[in-house]
């Protein structure tokens, strides 16, 4: 490079520096000399401290009313030929109390996406779309392809062949700074019921979802110390448990946790340290060394904890044993009512059915022999009673309706008396 070219470059750089300095001074004048540096940002700890010291209003959160949707699916081909009760079935339930506004803010897209991802496992931004996709995807206990159809009625759940999958989303706890939403997933897979619990933590002031690394430090050495603390708490819990119900030591700190009002609940999945899901709570005073600085400051400036009592409950799974194909569609016929002294004459309807079913012949016993007047006939367990003659006859009911003679005009009493014992002059044979 020649000396002349070098001088030109120096002059150009000087001009550029002067222009940049003038633009910077004009921006400072416009902002009243109170703005921050345009080429740098505030430190993250400064942002957290400022957020914790700002006095904000606390508006109650708003949630939708409980919504329950259920879809039913039945396989077309039974696993055992001719036995429709062995058709694979799938029932899907969704129950939600979805948030509408948090601390007066209705713009909660980040919370919606986090709930949808955890509850339905997809990336939709709207509840109705995510729920529709989930409900329209049946879960069978074996691959079915397209060999199934939907139903408007719930199918009968049979072990091995029936599957019931449920998702429940509802608020668990709230406070001035923190909202905790709970997601329950319950599945009956034909053999057993498996339950998983998930928690979404939401900063009500800064309006953002808190992940696990926002709550607990990612230091490996501190996590090992936390694991020892959890196992020590498990040993304390085992003192009040029987030998058959003892908890095993944890191999690692669980990924799922819930920040409650008194401490952190570590969620152990079914089969990890026990046959069922287990919660181990560590008080905040004990777990404080393992918290991040930002979350520790949030807890220090938090109050007004409230636990929601309106927890959603999963639907019951009424599994039954497999039955023959003929009884899989319709319920079995009710048992025929037995004739006893207590029910044979207890109601007028049953009296009529006895006459209509042929215990007495209509042709032989005309209505003329059973006038309403002052006459009535009643049988009980001891015999028969007639008020026309005020007499009592020792005759059992069972014997009475089987051995009673069928009277006709030729076999009725002679003379002027009919079967009822009253005179019938107009009916005498002349």
Protein backbone atom coordinates (compact mmCIF):
# COMPACT_ATOMS: atom_id res chain seq x y z
CA UNK A 1 0.00 0.00 0.00
CA UNK A 2 1.36 3.41 -0.98
CA UNK A 3 1.66 6.33 1.37
CA UNK A 4 -1.09 8.16 -0.46
CA UNK A 5 -3.57 5.30 -0.07
CA UNK A 6 -2.77 4.97 3.62
CA UNK A 7 -3.54 8.66 4.17
CA UNK A 8 -6.89 8.27 2.39
CA UNK A 9 -7.88 5.30 4.60
CA UNK A 10 -6.99 7.23 7.76
CA UNK A 11 -9.08 10.18 6.65
CA UNK A 12 -12.10 7.94 5.89
CA UNK A 13 -11.90 6.23 9.28
CA UNK A 14 -11.73 9.60 11.00
CA UNK A 15 -14.86 10.77 9.16
CA UNK A 16 -16.70 7.59 10.16
CA UNK A 17 -15.75 8.08 13.82
CA UNK A 18 -16.99 11.69 13.74
CA UNK A 19 -20.32 10.66 12.20
CA UNK A 20 -20.81 7.89 14.78
CA UNK A 21 -19.98 10.28 17.65
CA UNK A 22 -22.49 12.83 16.37
CA UNK A 23 -25.24 10.23 16.04
CA UNK A 24 -24.56 8.93 19.57
CA UNK A 25 -24.72 12.45 21.07
CA UNK A 26 -27.99 13.22 19.31
CA UNK A 27 -29.54 10.03 20.75
CA UNK A 28 -28.43 10.97 24.25
CA UNK A 29 -29.97 14.43 23.88
CA UNK A 30 -33.31 12.94 22.66
CA UNK A 31 -33.57 10.61 25.67
CA UNK A 32 -32.78 13.37 28.12
CA UNK A 33 -29.41 11.84 28.96
CA UNK A 34 -31.22 9.12 31.02
CA UNK A 35 -31.02 6.15 28.69
CA UNK A 36 -28.78 3.15 29.07
CA UNK A 37 -25.84 2.44 26.84
CA UNK A 38 -26.93 1.58 23.32
CA UNK A 39 -24.17 -0.97 22.89
CA UNK A 40 -24.65 -2.93 26.09
CA UNK A 41 -27.40 -4.54 28.14
CA UNK A 42 -28.08 -4.85 31.84
CA UNK A 43 -26.70 -7.74 33.76
CA UNK A 44 -29.17 -10.63 34.28
CA UNK A 45 -28.82 -10.48 38.08
CA UNK A 46 -29.68 -6.79 37.94
CA UNK A 47 -32.87 -7.64 36.01
CA UNK A 48 -33.87 -10.28 38.55
CA UNK A 49 -33.22 -7.98 41.50
CA UNK A 50 -35.23 -5.20 39.93
CA UNK A 51 -38.13 -7.55 39.22
CA UNK A 52 -38.14 -8.76 42.81
CA UNK A 53 -38.15 -5.28 44.32
CA UNK A 54 -40.85 -3.79 42.09
CA UNK A 55 -44.21 -3.53 43.86
CA UNK A 56 -46.89 -5.04 41.62
CA UNK A 57 -50.60 -5.56 41.94
CA UNK A 58 -51.92 -9.06 42.60
CA UNK A 59 -55.01 -9.91 40.55
CA UNK A 60 -56.81 -13.22 41.02
CA UNK A 61 -56.27 -15.79 38.25
CA UNK A 62 -59.21 -16.83 36.09
CA UNK A 63 -59.80 -20.40 34.87
CA UNK A 64 -62.42 -21.99 32.65
CA UNK A 65 -65.09 -24.21 34.13
CA UNK A 66 -64.40 -27.92 34.06
CA UNK A 67 -64.59 -29.37 30.55
CA UNK A 68 -64.89 -33.11 29.99
CA UNK A 69 -64.56 -34.75 26.56
CA UNK A 70 -64.60 -38.48 25.88
CA UNK A 71 -64.15 -40.49 22.65
CA UNK A 72 -64.83 -44.24 22.22
CA UNK A 73 -63.31 -46.68 19.74
CA UNK A 74 -63.98 -50.39 19.10
CA UNK A 75 -61.99 -52.81 16.97
CA UNK A 76 -63.84 -54.47 14.09
CA UNK A 77 -62.28 -57.92 14.39
CA UNK A 78 -62.38 -59.85 17.69
CA UNK A 79 -59.18 -61.43 18.94
CA UNK A 80 -61.09 -64.69 19.50
CA UNK A 81 -63.31 -65.63 16.59
CA UNK A 82 -67.02 -65.32 17.36
CA UNK A 83 -66.47 -63.61 20.72
CA UNK A 84 -67.22 -59.91 20.40
CA UNK A 85 -66.11 -59.27 23.97
CA UNK A 86 -62.52 -59.80 22.77
CA UNK A 87 -62.62 -56.83 20.42
CA UNK A 88 -59.94 -54.32 21.39
CA UNK A 89 -61.40 -51.07 22.74
CA UNK A 90 -60.03 -47.61 23.46
CA UNK A 91 -61.56 -44.86 25.59
CA UNK A 92 -59.95 -41.42 25.80
CA UNK A 93 -60.91 -38.84 28.42
CA UNK A 94 -59.79 -35.20 28.67
CA UNK A 95 -60.71 -33.09 31.69
CA UNK A 96 -59.37 -29.55 31.95
CA UNK A 97 -59.73 -26.33 33.92
CA UNK A 98 -57.74 -24.19 31.52
CA UNK A 99 -56.32 -20.77 32.52
CA UNK A 100 -57.89 -17.71 30.90
CA UNK A 101 -55.88 -14.92 32.51
CA UNK A 102 -53.00 -14.90 35.00
CA UNK A 103 -52.57 -11.91 37.30
CA UNK A 104 -54.83 -9.89 35.00
CA UNK A 105 -52.91 -10.78 31.83
CA UNK A 106 -54.70 -12.72 29.09
CA UNK A 107 -51.58 -13.03 26.90
CA UNK A 108 -50.36 -16.36 28.24
CA UNK A 109 -49.18 -18.10 25.05
CA UNK A 110 -46.04 -19.43 26.72
CA UNK A 111 -48.07 -21.09 29.48
CA UNK A 112 -50.53 -22.53 26.94
CA UNK A 113 -47.76 -24.10 24.89
CA UNK A 114 -46.11 -25.60 27.98
CA UNK A 115 -49.39 -27.13 29.16
CA UNK A 116 -50.23 -28.49 25.70
CA UNK A 117 -46.80 -30.01 25.26
CA UNK A 118 -46.88 -31.74 28.64
CA UNK A 119 -50.52 -32.87 28.46
CA UNK A 120 -50.97 -33.90 24.83
CA UNK A 121 -47.43 -34.24 23.52
CA UNK A 122 -47.90 -31.99 20.48
CA UNK A 123 -46.89 -28.48 19.48
CA UNK A 124 -50.28 -26.87 18.84
CA UNK A 125 -50.79 -23.39 20.24
CA UNK A 126 -54.53 -23.70 20.91
CA UNK A 127 -56.21 -26.07 23.38
CA UNK A 128 -59.05 -27.07 21.05
CA UNK A 129 -56.64 -28.14 18.29
CA UNK A 130 -54.34 -30.09 20.60
CA UNK A 131 -57.25 -31.77 22.35
CA UNK A 132 -58.92 -32.71 19.06
CA UNK A 133 -55.77 -34.41 17.77
CA UNK A 134 -55.35 -36.33 21.03
CA UNK A 135 -58.96 -37.51 21.23
CA UNK A 136 -58.99 -38.58 17.58
CA UNK A 137 -55.99 -40.86 18.05
CA UNK A 138 -57.15 -44.07 19.79
CA UNK A 139 -54.77 -46.03 22.00
CA UNK A 140 -55.17 -49.80 21.63
CA UNK A 141 -53.23 -52.43 23.52
CA UNK A 142 -52.00 -53.81 20.20
CA UNK A 143 -51.52 -52.26 16.74
CA UNK A 144 -54.89 -52.07 14.97
CA UNK A 145 -54.17 -50.07 11.83
CA UNK A 146 -57.50 -48.87 10.46
CA UNK A 147 -59.47 -51.90 11.64
CA UNK A 148 -61.66 -50.01 14.13
CA UNK A 149 -64.64 -47.67 14.30
CA UNK A 150 -65.80 -44.94 16.66
CA UNK A 151 -68.84 -45.27 18.90
CA UNK A 152 -71.21 -42.85 20.60
CA UNK A 153 -71.51 -45.13 23.65
CA UNK A 154 -68.76 -46.30 25.96
CA UNK A 155 -67.74 -49.89 25.21
CA UNK A 156 -67.48 -52.49 27.94
CA UNK A 157 -63.90 -52.60 29.22
CA UNK A 158 -62.48 -56.13 29.35
CA UNK A 159 -59.05 -56.99 30.81
CA UNK A 160 -56.31 -57.46 28.21
CA UNK A 161 -58.49 -55.97 25.44
CA UNK A 162 -59.60 -52.64 26.96
CA UNK A 163 -57.58 -49.42 27.20
CA UNK A 164 -58.61 -46.22 28.99
CA UNK A 165 -56.31 -43.17 28.63
CA UNK A 166 -57.04 -39.98 30.55
CA UNK A 167 -55.50 -36.50 30.70
CA UNK A 168 -56.39 -34.03 33.45
CA UNK A 169 -55.15 -30.42 33.58
CA UNK A 170 -56.00 -28.12 36.49
CA UNK A 171 -54.48 -25.50 38.85
CA UNK A 172 -52.68 -26.93 41.88
CA UNK A 173 -51.30 -23.93 43.79
CA UNK A 174 -50.99 -20.17 43.47
CA UNK A 175 -49.24 -17.39 45.35
CA UNK A 176 -48.23 -13.78 44.78
CA UNK A 177 -45.35 -14.76 42.51
CA UNK A 178 -45.92 -18.38 41.50
CA UNK A 179 -48.65 -20.41 39.81
CA UNK A 180 -48.34 -24.21 39.67
CA UNK A 181 -50.47 -26.14 37.15
CA UNK A 182 -50.80 -29.92 37.44
CA UNK A 183 -51.11 -32.44 34.61
CA UNK A 184 -52.23 -35.99 35.46
CA UNK A 185 -51.98 -38.84 32.98
CA UNK A 186 -53.80 -42.03 33.97
CA UNK A 187 -53.89 -45.11 31.74
CA UNK A 188 -55.46 -48.53 32.20
CA UNK A 189 -53.56 -50.77 29.77
CA UNK A 190 -55.59 -53.95 30.17
CA UNK A 191 -53.49 -55.21 33.07
CA UNK A 192 -52.88 -52.35 35.50
CA UNK A 193 -53.43 -48.63 36.00
CA UNK A 194 -50.38 -46.40 35.51
CA UNK A 195 -50.35 -42.79 36.73
CA UNK A 196 -47.89 -39.98 35.99
CA UNK A 197 -47.94 -36.46 37.43
CA UNK A 198 -46.36 -33.35 35.90
CA UNK A 199 -46.14 -29.75 37.12
CA UNK A 200 -45.80 -26.47 35.24
CA UNK A 201 -44.41 -23.51 37.22
CA UNK A 202 -45.31 -20.04 36.00
CA UNK A 203 -43.94 -16.69 37.19
CA UNK A 204 -47.07 -14.55 37.64
CA UNK A 205 -45.12 -11.27 37.70
CA UNK A 206 -42.67 -11.76 34.84
CA UNK A 207 -45.12 -13.99 32.90
CA UNK A 208 -42.79 -16.79 31.94
CA UNK A 209 -42.59 -20.54 32.48
CA UNK A 210 -39.91 -21.74 34.89
CA UNK A 211 -37.97 -24.84 33.89
CA UNK A 212 -36.12 -27.18 36.22
CA UNK A 213 -32.80 -25.39 35.69
CA UNK A 214 -34.51 -22.14 36.71
CA UNK A 215 -35.28 -23.70 40.10
CA UNK A 216 -32.37 -26.05 40.91
CA UNK A 217 -28.71 -25.46 40.17
CA UNK A 218 -27.12 -27.54 37.43
CA UNK A 219 -23.97 -28.21 39.48
CA UNK A 220 -23.19 -31.95 39.50
CA UNK A 221 -21.59 -31.91 42.94
CA UNK A 222 -24.58 -30.12 44.48
CA UNK A 223 -26.99 -32.52 42.78
CA UNK A 224 -25.18 -35.47 44.42
CA UNK A 225 -25.53 -33.75 47.79
CA UNK A 226 -29.23 -33.20 47.09
CA UNK A 227 -29.61 -36.90 46.27
CA UNK A 228 -28.12 -37.82 49.66
CA UNK A 229 -30.58 -35.43 51.32
CA UNK A 230 -33.52 -37.09 49.53
CA UNK A 231 -32.38 -40.60 50.52
CA UNK A 232 -32.03 -39.45 54.12
CA UNK A 233 -35.66 -38.29 54.00
CA UNK A 234 -36.64 -41.68 52.51
CA UNK A 235 -34.99 -43.41 55.48
CA UNK A 236 -37.08 -41.27 57.84
CA UNK A 237 -40.25 -42.20 55.94
CA UNK A 238 -39.42 -45.91 56.12
CA UNK A 239 -39.49 -45.80 59.92
CA UNK A 240 -43.26 -45.47 59.83
CA UNK A 241 -43.73 -48.04 57.05
CA UNK A 242 -43.93 -51.78 57.25
CA UNK A 243 -41.35 -54.11 55.78
CA UNK A 244 -43.64 -54.84 52.82
CA UNK A 245 -44.17 -51.13 52.11
CA UNK A 246 -40.63 -49.79 52.40
CA UNK A 247 -39.29 -47.29 49.89
CA UNK A 248 -36.08 -47.96 48.02
CA UNK A 249 -33.23 -45.48 47.81
CA UNK A 250 -33.32 -43.13 44.82
CA UNK A 251 -30.61 -43.54 42.20
CA UNK A 252 -30.89 -39.96 40.96
CA UNK A 253 -32.79 -36.75 41.58
CA UNK A 254 -36.13 -37.02 39.72
CA UNK A 255 -36.72 -34.69 36.82
CA UNK A 256 -40.27 -33.87 37.94
CA UNK A 257 -40.79 -31.63 40.96
CA UNK A 258 -43.43 -29.38 42.48
CA UNK A 259 -42.77 -26.21 44.44
CA UNK A 260 -45.38 -26.17 47.19
CA UNK A 261 -45.93 -23.71 50.02
CA UNK A 262 -43.55 -25.46 52.47
CA UNK A 263 -40.97 -27.13 50.28
CA UNK A 264 -40.22 -28.97 47.05
CA UNK A 265 -42.04 -32.20 46.28
CA UNK A 266 -39.85 -34.56 44.28
CA UNK A 267 -42.02 -36.82 42.13
CA UNK A 268 -40.87 -40.43 41.80
CA UNK A 269 -42.63 -42.34 39.05
CA UNK A 270 -44.41 -45.61 39.56
CA UNK A 271 -41.89 -48.44 40.00
CA UNK A 272 -38.83 -46.25 40.66
CA UNK A 273 -38.66 -46.47 44.46
CA UNK A 274 -42.05 -48.10 45.09
CA UNK A 275 -44.80 -49.98 43.28
CA UNK A 276 -46.76 -46.72 42.98
CA UNK A 277 -45.92 -43.04 42.47
CA UNK A 278 -44.32 -41.38 45.53
CA UNK A 279 -43.78 -37.76 46.57
CA UNK A 280 -40.83 -36.89 48.81
CA UNK A 281 -40.94 -33.39 50.27
CA UNK A 282 -37.79 -31.45 51.24
CA UNK A 283 -38.40 -28.25 53.18
CA UNK A 284 -37.18 -24.98 51.71
CA UNK A 285 -34.79 -24.45 54.61
CA UNK A 286 -33.03 -27.73 53.77
CA UNK A 287 -33.12 -27.38 49.99
CA UNK A 288 -32.10 -23.71 49.90
CA UNK A 289 -28.38 -24.42 49.15
CA UNK A 290 -29.42 -26.17 45.93
CA UNK A 291 -31.71 -23.44 44.59
CA UNK A 292 -30.72 -20.94 41.95
CA UNK A 293 -30.18 -17.36 43.07
CA UNK A 294 -33.12 -16.11 41.03
CA UNK A 295 -35.59 -18.63 42.48
CA UNK A 296 -34.30 -18.08 46.01
CA UNK A 297 -34.99 -14.34 45.62
CA UNK A 298 -38.46 -15.13 44.32
CA UNK A 299 -39.23 -17.25 47.38
CA UNK A 300 -37.96 -14.51 49.67
CA UNK A 301 -40.45 -12.05 48.17
CA UNK A 302 -43.38 -14.48 47.87
CA UNK A 303 -46.46 -14.87 50.06
CA UNK A 304 -50.21 -15.59 50.00
CA UNK A 305 -49.94 -19.29 49.17
CA UNK A 306 -53.19 -21.02 48.26
CA UNK A 307 -53.74 -24.71 47.48
CA UNK A 308 -56.68 -25.42 45.17
CA UNK A 309 -59.10 -28.04 46.47
CA UNK A 310 -61.02 -28.55 43.23
CA UNK A 311 -58.72 -31.24 41.88
CA UNK A 312 -60.03 -33.15 38.90
CA UNK A 313 -60.55 -36.89 39.38
CA UNK A 314 -60.09 -39.55 36.69
CA UNK A 315 -63.06 -41.57 35.51
CA UNK A 316 -63.48 -45.03 37.03
CA UNK A 317 -62.45 -48.02 34.94
CA UNK A 318 -65.08 -50.73 35.33
CA UNK A 319 -63.27 -53.77 33.93
CA UNK A 320 -65.15 -57.06 33.72
CA UNK A 321 -64.24 -60.60 32.81
CA UNK A 322 -64.60 -61.69 29.17
CA UNK A 323 -67.99 -63.25 28.41
CA UNK A 324 -69.37 -65.25 25.46
CA UNK A 325 -70.19 -63.39 22.28
CA UNK A 326 -73.94 -63.66 22.71
CA UNK A 327 -73.87 -61.65 25.91
CA UNK A 328 -71.34 -59.04 24.80
CA UNK A 329 -73.89 -56.82 23.09
CA UNK A 330 -76.96 -57.08 25.26
CA UNK A 331 -77.29 -57.60 28.99
CA UNK A 332 -78.35 -61.05 30.21
CA UNK A 333 -82.06 -61.66 30.68
CA UNK A 334 -83.34 -60.98 34.21
CA UNK A 335 -84.10 -63.94 36.42
CA UNK A 336 -87.71 -65.07 36.28
CA UNK A 337 -89.68 -63.96 39.31
CA UNK A 338 -90.51 -66.75 41.69
CA UNK A 339 -94.07 -67.28 42.95
CA UNK A 340 -94.12 -67.01 46.69
CA UNK A 341 -96.77 -66.21 49.23
CA UNK A 342 -95.34 -62.69 49.62
CA UNK A 343 -95.31 -61.70 45.96
CA UNK A 344 -98.03 -63.85 44.35
CA UNK A 345 -100.80 -61.69 45.74
CA UNK A 346 -98.96 -58.51 46.71
CA UNK A 347 -100.10 -56.38 43.78
CA UNK A 348 -103.00 -56.08 41.40
CA UNK A 349 -100.63 -56.21 38.45
CA UNK A 350 -99.37 -59.64 39.46
CA UNK A 351 -102.95 -60.86 39.98
CA UNK A 352 -103.78 -59.85 36.45
CA UNK A 353 -100.71 -61.59 35.08
CA UNK A 354 -101.75 -64.83 36.79
CA UNK A 355 -105.09 -64.79 35.08
CA UNK A 356 -103.59 -63.81 31.74
CA UNK A 357 -100.87 -66.47 31.91
CA UNK A 358 -103.36 -69.29 32.16
CA UNK A 359 -103.52 -70.18 35.83
CA UNK A 360 -107.28 -69.74 35.48
CA UNK A 361 -109.25 -70.21 32.31
CA UNK A 362 -111.15 -67.13 31.24
CA UNK A 363 -113.87 -69.17 29.60
CA UNK A 364 -114.58 -71.17 32.77
CA UNK A 365 -114.32 -68.27 35.19
CA UNK A 366 -116.41 -65.48 33.84
CA UNK A 367 -116.48 -62.07 35.45
CA UNK A 368 -119.84 -62.90 36.90
CA UNK A 369 -118.15 -64.97 39.60
CA UNK A 370 -115.88 -62.12 40.70
CA UNK A 371 -118.08 -59.13 41.32
CA UNK A 372 -116.60 -56.09 42.97
CA UNK A 373 -119.41 -55.68 45.57
CA UNK A 374 -118.36 -56.73 49.05
CA UNK A 375 -116.47 -59.79 47.87
CA UNK A 376 -112.74 -60.18 47.63
CA UNK A 377 -110.40 -63.19 47.60
CA UNK A 378 -106.89 -63.19 49.07
CA UNK A 379 -104.33 -65.94 49.59
CA UNK A 380 -101.42 -65.81 51.99
CA UNK A 381 -98.83 -68.21 53.31
CA UNK A 382 -101.38 -69.87 55.67
CA UNK A 383 -104.34 -70.38 53.40
CA UNK A 384 -107.23 -68.63 51.67
CA UNK A 385 -109.74 -66.27 53.14
CA UNK A 386 -113.15 -65.22 51.82
CA UNK A 387 -115.26 -62.57 53.48
CA UNK A 388 -118.48 -63.87 51.98
CA UNK A 389 -118.54 -66.88 54.34
CA UNK A 390 -116.04 -65.56 56.90
CA UNK A 391 -114.26 -68.90 56.89
CA UNK A 392 -110.60 -69.89 56.94
CA UNK A 393 -109.24 -72.83 54.96
CA UNK A 394 -105.82 -74.38 55.56
CA UNK A 395 -104.39 -74.56 52.04
CA UNK A 396 -100.95 -73.49 50.82
CA UNK A 397 -100.58 -71.08 47.97
CA UNK A 398 -98.38 -73.39 45.93
CA UNK A 399 -100.86 -76.20 46.27
CA UNK A 400 -103.76 -73.85 45.59
CA UNK A 401 -102.77 -72.58 42.15
CA UNK A 402 -101.53 -75.96 40.93
CA UNK A 403 -104.37 -78.20 42.16
CA UNK A 404 -107.36 -75.88 41.89
CA UNK A 405 -110.11 -77.38 39.77
CA UNK A 406 -111.32 -75.59 36.70
CA UNK A 407 -114.99 -75.03 37.34
CA UNK A 408 -117.50 -75.08 34.54
CA UNK A 409 -121.24 -74.75 34.43
CA UNK A 410 -121.67 -78.51 34.81
CA UNK A 411 -119.55 -78.85 37.94
CA UNK A 412 -120.69 -75.88 39.96
CA UNK A 413 -122.70 -76.28 43.12
CA UNK A 414 -126.17 -77.59 42.76
CA UNK A 415 -129.21 -75.63 43.70
CA UNK A 416 -129.46 -71.92 43.73
CA UNK A 417 -125.84 -71.19 44.73
CA UNK A 418 -122.98 -70.44 42.42
CA UNK A 419 -119.31 -70.75 43.17
CA UNK A 420 -119.35 -67.56 45.17
CA UNK A 421 -122.12 -68.79 47.47
CA UNK A 422 -124.67 -66.18 46.36
CA UNK A 423 -128.05 -66.75 44.79
CA UNK A 424 -128.42 -66.35 41.08
CA UNK A 425 -132.12 -66.86 40.29
CA UNK A 426 -131.75 -65.29 36.89
CA UNK A 427 -129.14 -67.82 35.93
CA UNK A 428 -130.91 -71.03 36.99
CA UNK A 429 -131.45 -73.66 34.40
CA UNK A 430 -135.14 -74.05 33.85
